[in-house]
Amino acid sequence: MRSVAFMRALNVGGNRVTNDELADIYQSIDLLEPTPYQASGNVVFDLPTGFGTPTVKKIDSLEVRLAQALEAQLGYPVPTLIRTASEVAALADASPFPEEAMAATDRKIQVMLLKSTPSSNVIAEVEDLLPEGEQLAFDDRVMFWLPIEGISTSTFNVRATERLLGVTTVRTQGTLQRITKKFLTV
C-alpha cells in the first residue's frame, strides 16, 4: 500500500540530505520504493509486504521506527508523520472553507498534519491565536489554515500553535495535490 511520510526540519540549519541518502534510510527499515519529492521532507513509499491494513497503531509504530532511523543516520531528530495514499488524496481534495472565505484570500490553504486529533479545549486555544479574518478548520489529525495573504505576512503564532498541538508539519494543499497527481493516482 502506497503511503507518504512528511518529515519536519529535515533540511534546516545547514543540514542537507540527498534524495539517495533519504531513500537508503527508508529502505533500511524495509520500506519499499521510497521516492523523495521536493527538498522539503516528503517521501512516497510502499508499505512492506505483510504490513497488513494500516491501522493508526501500526502507522504510529512505523512513524517511531522511521524517526529513529532518520535520527540515527542523520544525527538530529526528524519528527515524521505518515499518511496513507487515500488520506493524502482526501486532504488534497478537501474543501474545508466556504467559497466566500476563499475569495477573500490568496487561496493557499495550509495543511498542518498533526500526530493526534486535538481536544476541543486545545482547538479553542488555537482559535484564540488566529488573527481576525483568517480561518481554521479541524478534522481528524489535521488543521486547515486559511491565511488572508499568505503565511509570511500573517501574525498567526504558529510556534504557539505547535506547542499546543504537539508534533506537526505543514504543507500547502497545492503540494498535497501535486503529490497525489504524480504518485497516488492510477
Protein backbone atom coordinates (compact mmCIF):
# COMPACT_ATOMS: atom_id res chain seq x y z
CA MET A 1 0.00 0.00 0.00
CA ARG A 2 1.34 3.39 -1.01
CA SER A 3 1.90 5.96 1.75
CA VAL A 4 3.60 9.30 2.23
CA ALA A 5 5.93 10.39 5.02
CA PHE A 6 6.04 14.09 5.87
CA MET A 7 9.17 14.99 7.77
CA ARG A 8 9.73 18.14 9.74
CA ALA A 9 13.04 20.00 9.93
CA LEU A 10 14.79 17.67 7.53
CA ASN A 11 16.94 20.18 5.64
CA VAL A 12 17.36 23.03 8.12
CA GLY A 13 20.27 24.65 9.93
CA GLY A 14 22.78 23.81 7.24
CA ASN A 15 21.87 20.13 7.23
CA ARG A 16 21.36 18.77 3.71
CA VAL A 17 20.25 15.25 2.93
CA THR A 18 20.35 13.99 -0.63
CA ASN A 19 17.44 12.08 -2.11
CA ASP A 20 19.64 8.98 -2.38
CA GLU A 21 20.61 9.18 1.33
CA LEU A 22 16.97 9.61 2.27
CA ALA A 23 15.86 6.67 0.13
CA ASP A 24 18.59 4.49 1.68
CA ILE A 25 17.29 5.25 5.20
CA TYR A 26 13.75 4.24 4.18
CA GLN A 27 14.99 1.04 2.57
CA SER A 28 16.99 0.22 5.71
CA ILE A 29 13.70 -0.32 7.58
CA ASP A 30 12.14 -2.27 4.69
CA LEU A 31 10.01 0.50 3.20
CA LEU A 32 9.65 -0.15 -0.50
CA GLU A 33 10.31 2.11 -3.49
CA PRO A 34 10.97 5.30 -1.46
CA THR A 35 10.74 8.34 -3.70
CA PRO A 36 11.59 11.74 -2.18
CA TYR A 37 9.55 14.65 -3.53
CA GLN A 38 10.93 18.18 -3.31
CA ALA A 39 13.57 19.08 -0.75
CA SER A 40 11.03 19.76 1.97
CA GLY A 41 10.74 16.32 3.54
CA ASN A 42 8.16 14.39 1.55
CA VAL A 43 8.77 10.74 0.69
CA VAL A 44 6.33 8.49 -1.13
CA PHE A 45 6.82 4.78 -0.42
CA ASP A 46 5.10 1.43 -0.31
CA LEU A 47 4.49 -0.37 2.96
CA PRO A 48 6.40 -3.62 3.41
CA THR A 49 4.87 -6.89 2.34
CA GLY A 50 2.91 -8.34 5.22
CA PHE A 51 2.23 -4.95 6.85
CA GLY A 52 -1.49 -5.60 6.56
CA THR A 53 -4.17 -2.99 6.98
CA PRO A 54 -2.54 0.30 8.05
CA THR A 55 -4.24 0.96 11.38
CA VAL A 56 -3.42 4.08 13.40
CA LYS A 57 -1.47 1.92 15.86
CA LYS A 58 0.63 0.34 13.10
CA ILE A 59 1.28 3.72 11.46
CA ASP A 60 2.27 5.22 14.84
CA SER A 61 4.76 2.39 15.32
CA LEU A 62 6.15 2.90 11.82
CA GLU A 63 6.50 6.66 12.43
CA VAL A 64 8.58 5.92 15.53
CA ARG A 65 10.80 3.41 13.69
CA LEU A 66 11.31 5.81 10.82
CA ALA A 67 12.09 8.78 13.08
CA GLN A 68 14.60 6.63 14.99
CA ALA A 69 16.28 5.51 11.75
CA LEU A 70 16.45 9.09 10.48
CA GLU A 71 17.96 10.38 13.74
CA ALA A 72 20.47 7.51 13.92
CA GLN A 73 21.65 8.14 10.37
CA LEU A 74 21.48 11.96 10.32
CA GLY A 75 22.45 12.77 13.90
CA TYR A 76 19.48 15.00 14.69
CA PRO A 77 15.75 14.41 15.35
CA VAL A 78 13.40 14.43 12.37
CA PRO A 79 9.77 14.23 13.51
CA THR A 80 7.82 12.27 10.91
CA LEU A 81 4.12 11.86 10.19
CA ILE A 82 2.81 9.22 7.80
CA ARG A 83 -0.46 9.24 5.88
CA THR A 84 -1.84 6.61 3.53
CA ALA A 85 -2.44 7.43 -0.13
CA SER A 86 -6.19 7.70 0.47
CA GLU A 87 -5.66 10.10 3.37
CA VAL A 88 -3.35 12.32 1.32
CA ALA A 89 -5.78 12.29 -1.62
CA ALA A 90 -8.64 13.27 0.71
CA LEU A 91 -6.59 16.18 2.12
CA ALA A 92 -5.65 17.27 -1.40
CA ASP A 93 -9.32 17.31 -2.39
CA ALA A 94 -10.74 18.81 0.81
CA SER A 95 -12.80 22.00 0.75
CA PRO A 96 -12.77 22.98 4.42
CA PHE A 97 -13.68 26.66 3.89
CA PRO A 98 -16.70 28.36 2.31
CA GLU A 99 -16.17 29.84 -1.16
CA GLU A 100 -16.66 33.40 0.16
CA ALA A 101 -13.77 32.89 2.60
CA MET A 102 -11.61 31.56 -0.23
CA ALA A 103 -12.44 34.60 -2.38
CA ALA A 104 -11.17 36.95 0.36
CA THR A 105 -7.67 35.38 0.49
CA ASP A 106 -4.75 34.34 -1.67
CA ARG A 107 -6.47 30.90 -1.73
CA LYS A 108 -3.45 28.95 -0.48
CA ILE A 109 -4.74 26.57 2.13
CA GLN A 110 -2.09 25.47 4.61
CA VAL A 111 -2.47 21.90 5.85
CA MET A 112 -0.97 21.23 9.27
CA LEU A 113 -0.64 17.49 9.79
CA LEU A 114 -0.99 16.51 13.44
CA LYS A 115 0.16 13.48 15.41
CA SER A 116 -3.27 13.17 17.01
CA THR A 117 -6.69 14.79 16.98
CA PRO A 118 -6.73 17.72 19.44
CA SER A 119 -9.31 18.10 22.20
CA SER A 120 -11.99 20.77 21.94
CA ASN A 121 -10.15 22.77 24.64
CA VAL A 122 -6.91 22.78 22.62
CA ILE A 123 -8.82 23.72 19.47
CA ALA A 124 -10.34 26.69 21.32
CA GLU A 125 -6.88 27.79 22.49
CA VAL A 126 -5.53 27.60 18.94
CA GLU A 127 -8.52 29.51 17.58
CA ASP A 128 -7.81 32.27 20.13
CA LEU A 129 -4.41 32.78 18.44
CA LEU A 130 -5.92 33.34 15.00
CA PRO A 131 -5.79 36.87 13.54
CA GLU A 132 -9.07 38.44 12.50
CA GLY A 133 -10.13 37.43 9.00
CA GLU A 134 -8.14 34.21 8.90
CA GLN A 135 -9.82 30.85 9.32
CA LEU A 136 -9.12 27.41 10.73
CA ALA A 137 -10.86 24.08 10.24
CA PHE A 138 -10.01 20.91 12.13
CA ASP A 139 -10.54 17.32 11.09
CA ASP A 140 -9.02 14.01 12.14
CA ARG A 141 -5.28 14.66 12.77
CA VAL A 142 -5.25 17.78 10.60
CA MET A 143 -5.72 21.52 10.87
CA PHE A 144 -6.52 23.54 7.76
CA TRP A 145 -5.44 27.18 7.94
CA LEU A 146 -6.54 29.90 5.54
CA PRO A 147 -4.34 32.99 5.90
CA ILE A 148 -5.58 36.20 4.28
CA GLU A 149 -2.47 36.99 2.23
CA GLY A 150 -0.06 34.17 2.98
CA ILE A 151 1.87 32.70 5.86
CA SER A 152 4.80 35.12 5.61
CA THR A 153 2.60 38.14 6.34
CA SER A 154 0.23 36.50 8.82
CA THR A 155 0.54 37.28 12.52
CA PHE A 156 -0.80 33.84 13.44
CA ASN A 157 1.51 32.47 16.13
CA VAL A 158 2.47 29.17 14.51
CA ARG A 159 5.05 28.32 17.20
CA ALA A 160 2.48 28.70 19.98
CA THR A 161 0.06 26.64 17.89
CA GLU A 162 2.64 23.88 17.53
CA ARG A 163 3.27 23.90 21.28
CA LEU A 164 -0.45 23.35 21.83
CA LEU A 165 -0.87 20.69 19.14
CA GLY A 166 2.31 18.66 19.61
CA VAL A 167 4.18 17.11 16.68
CA THR A 168 3.13 18.85 13.46
CA THR A 169 4.35 19.63 9.98
CA VAL A 170 2.83 21.98 7.41
CA ARG A 171 2.39 21.67 3.65
CA THR A 172 0.30 23.68 1.25
CA GLN A 173 -2.74 21.94 -0.11
CA GLY A 174 -1.16 22.51 -3.54
CA THR A 175 1.82 20.35 -2.53
CA LEU A 176 -0.55 17.57 -1.47
CA GLN A 177 -2.39 17.91 -4.78
CA ARG A 178 0.86 17.60 -6.74
CA ILE A 179 1.93 14.54 -4.71
CA THR A 180 -1.46 12.96 -5.30
CA LYS A 181 -1.40 13.65 -9.03
CA LYS A 182 2.19 12.48 -9.54
CA PHE A 183 2.35 9.45 -7.23
CA LEU A 184 -1.02 8.38 -5.88
CA THR A 185 -3.50 8.31 -8.75
CA VAL A 186 -3.86 5.33 -11.03
